[in-house]
N, C-alpha and C. Protein backbone atom coordinates (compact mmCIF):
# COMPACT_ATOMS: atom_id res chain seq x y z
N UNK A 1 4.32 -12.39 -11.91
CA UNK A 1 5.05 -12.65 -10.69
C UNK A 1 4.53 -13.95 -10.08
N UNK A 2 5.42 -14.85 -9.74
CA UNK A 2 5.04 -16.09 -9.08
C UNK A 2 4.71 -15.80 -7.62
N UNK A 3 3.66 -16.44 -7.14
CA UNK A 3 3.27 -16.26 -5.74
C UNK A 3 3.50 -17.56 -4.98
N UNK A 4 4.02 -17.43 -3.80
CA UNK A 4 4.17 -18.61 -2.96
C UNK A 4 3.08 -18.56 -1.90
N UNK A 5 2.69 -19.71 -1.44
CA UNK A 5 1.68 -19.78 -0.40
C UNK A 5 2.35 -20.31 0.85
N UNK A 6 2.44 -19.49 1.83
CA UNK A 6 3.09 -19.86 3.09
C UNK A 6 2.04 -19.80 4.18
N UNK A 7 1.75 -20.90 4.81
CA UNK A 7 0.70 -20.95 5.82
C UNK A 7 1.34 -21.07 7.19
N UNK A 8 1.03 -20.11 8.04
CA UNK A 8 1.48 -20.14 9.43
C UNK A 8 0.23 -20.27 10.28
N UNK A 9 0.17 -21.26 11.10
CA UNK A 9 -0.98 -21.45 11.97
C UNK A 9 -0.61 -21.00 13.38
N UNK A 10 -1.44 -20.17 13.92
CA UNK A 10 -1.22 -19.66 15.27
C UNK A 10 -2.55 -19.66 15.98
N UNK A 11 -2.56 -20.11 17.20
CA UNK A 11 -3.77 -20.07 18.00
C UNK A 11 -3.52 -19.17 19.19
N UNK A 12 -4.43 -18.30 19.42
CA UNK A 12 -4.30 -17.38 20.54
C UNK A 12 -5.63 -17.24 21.25
N UNK A 13 -5.63 -16.52 22.31
CA UNK A 13 -6.83 -16.29 23.09
C UNK A 13 -7.08 -14.79 23.17
N UNK A 14 -8.27 -14.38 22.78
CA UNK A 14 -8.69 -13.00 22.95
C UNK A 14 -9.39 -12.96 24.30
N UNK A 15 -8.67 -12.45 25.30
CA UNK A 15 -9.21 -12.51 26.66
C UNK A 15 -9.51 -11.14 27.26
N UNK A 16 -9.29 -10.08 26.49
CA UNK A 16 -9.65 -8.75 26.96
C UNK A 16 -9.76 -7.81 25.76
N UNK A 17 -10.47 -6.72 25.95
CA UNK A 17 -10.64 -5.75 24.88
C UNK A 17 -9.43 -4.86 24.75
N UNK A 18 -8.53 -5.20 23.87
CA UNK A 18 -7.31 -4.42 23.65
C UNK A 18 -6.83 -4.65 22.23
N UNK A 19 -5.77 -3.98 21.84
CA UNK A 19 -5.18 -4.15 20.52
C UNK A 19 -4.25 -5.36 20.54
N UNK A 20 -4.46 -6.30 19.63
CA UNK A 20 -3.62 -7.48 19.48
C UNK A 20 -2.85 -7.34 18.17
N UNK A 21 -1.56 -7.57 18.21
CA UNK A 21 -0.75 -7.54 16.98
C UNK A 21 -0.73 -8.95 16.41
N UNK A 22 -1.32 -9.12 15.25
CA UNK A 22 -1.41 -10.43 14.63
C UNK A 22 -0.32 -10.68 13.60
N UNK A 23 0.19 -9.62 12.99
CA UNK A 23 1.19 -9.76 11.93
C UNK A 23 2.32 -8.77 12.17
N UNK A 24 3.53 -9.25 12.07
CA UNK A 24 4.70 -8.39 12.06
C UNK A 24 5.46 -8.71 10.79
N UNK A 25 5.55 -7.76 9.91
CA UNK A 25 6.16 -7.98 8.60
C UNK A 25 7.61 -7.53 8.62
N UNK A 26 8.50 -8.41 8.18
CA UNK A 26 9.91 -8.08 8.08
C UNK A 26 10.34 -8.25 6.62
N UNK A 27 11.41 -7.61 6.28
CA UNK A 27 11.92 -7.76 4.92
C UNK A 27 11.15 -6.91 3.94
N UNK A 28 10.99 -7.44 2.76
CA UNK A 28 10.32 -6.74 1.66
C UNK A 28 8.88 -6.38 2.03
N UNK A 29 8.54 -5.13 1.78
CA UNK A 29 7.16 -4.69 2.01
C UNK A 29 6.37 -4.96 0.74
N UNK A 30 5.33 -5.77 0.87
CA UNK A 30 4.49 -6.10 -0.27
C UNK A 30 3.10 -6.46 0.23
N UNK A 31 2.18 -6.57 -0.68
CA UNK A 31 0.81 -6.92 -0.32
C UNK A 31 0.75 -8.35 0.20
N UNK A 32 0.01 -8.53 1.28
CA UNK A 32 -0.17 -9.87 1.85
C UNK A 32 -1.61 -10.02 2.26
N UNK A 33 -2.07 -11.23 2.38
CA UNK A 33 -3.43 -11.52 2.80
C UNK A 33 -3.38 -12.43 4.02
N UNK A 34 -4.18 -12.11 5.03
CA UNK A 34 -4.28 -12.99 6.19
C UNK A 34 -5.74 -13.37 6.38
N UNK A 35 -5.97 -14.49 7.03
CA UNK A 35 -7.32 -14.93 7.35
C UNK A 35 -7.37 -15.17 8.86
N UNK A 36 -8.36 -14.58 9.50
CA UNK A 36 -8.54 -14.74 10.94
C UNK A 36 -9.90 -15.40 11.16
N UNK A 37 -9.92 -16.47 11.94
CA UNK A 37 -11.16 -17.19 12.23
C UNK A 37 -11.37 -17.22 13.73
N UNK A 38 -12.57 -16.85 14.16
CA UNK A 38 -12.93 -16.92 15.57
C UNK A 38 -13.83 -18.13 15.76
N UNK A 39 -13.53 -18.96 16.74
CA UNK A 39 -14.27 -20.20 16.95
C UNK A 39 -15.40 -20.06 17.96
N UNK A 40 -15.52 -18.90 18.57
CA UNK A 40 -16.63 -18.65 19.48
C UNK A 40 -17.26 -17.30 19.13
N UNK A 41 -18.49 -17.14 19.51
CA UNK A 41 -19.22 -15.91 19.19
C UNK A 41 -18.77 -14.75 20.08
N UNK A 42 -18.98 -13.54 19.60
CA UNK A 42 -18.77 -12.35 20.40
C UNK A 42 -17.53 -11.54 20.09
N UNK A 43 -16.64 -12.04 19.28
CA UNK A 43 -15.41 -11.29 18.96
C UNK A 43 -15.72 -10.26 17.89
N UNK A 44 -15.07 -9.11 17.98
CA UNK A 44 -15.15 -8.06 16.97
C UNK A 44 -13.75 -7.76 16.50
N UNK A 45 -13.60 -7.54 15.20
CA UNK A 45 -12.26 -7.29 14.64
C UNK A 45 -12.25 -5.98 13.88
N UNK A 46 -11.16 -5.25 14.02
CA UNK A 46 -10.93 -4.02 13.31
C UNK A 46 -9.53 -4.06 12.74
N UNK A 47 -9.30 -3.48 11.59
CA UNK A 47 -7.97 -3.47 10.98
C UNK A 47 -7.39 -2.07 11.04
N UNK A 48 -6.13 -1.99 11.47
CA UNK A 48 -5.38 -0.74 11.50
C UNK A 48 -4.08 -0.96 10.77
N UNK A 49 -3.73 -0.06 9.88
CA UNK A 49 -2.44 -0.16 9.20
C UNK A 49 -1.70 1.16 9.35
N UNK A 50 -0.40 1.06 9.40
CA UNK A 50 0.44 2.24 9.56
C UNK A 50 1.57 2.12 8.56
N UNK A 51 1.98 3.24 8.02
CA UNK A 51 3.13 3.17 7.14
C UNK A 51 3.05 4.07 5.98
């Protein structure tokens, strides 16, 4: 299977302890990989998947 590389750059601010939706998938359901980078110290990340 050929893979395409599609890069979407988004900058946001984590300004409170809550759930942030980073990805909304439409169309074909398939495996995807995302990379999240925090530029300041102190952020914690957890992954939740449903489906």
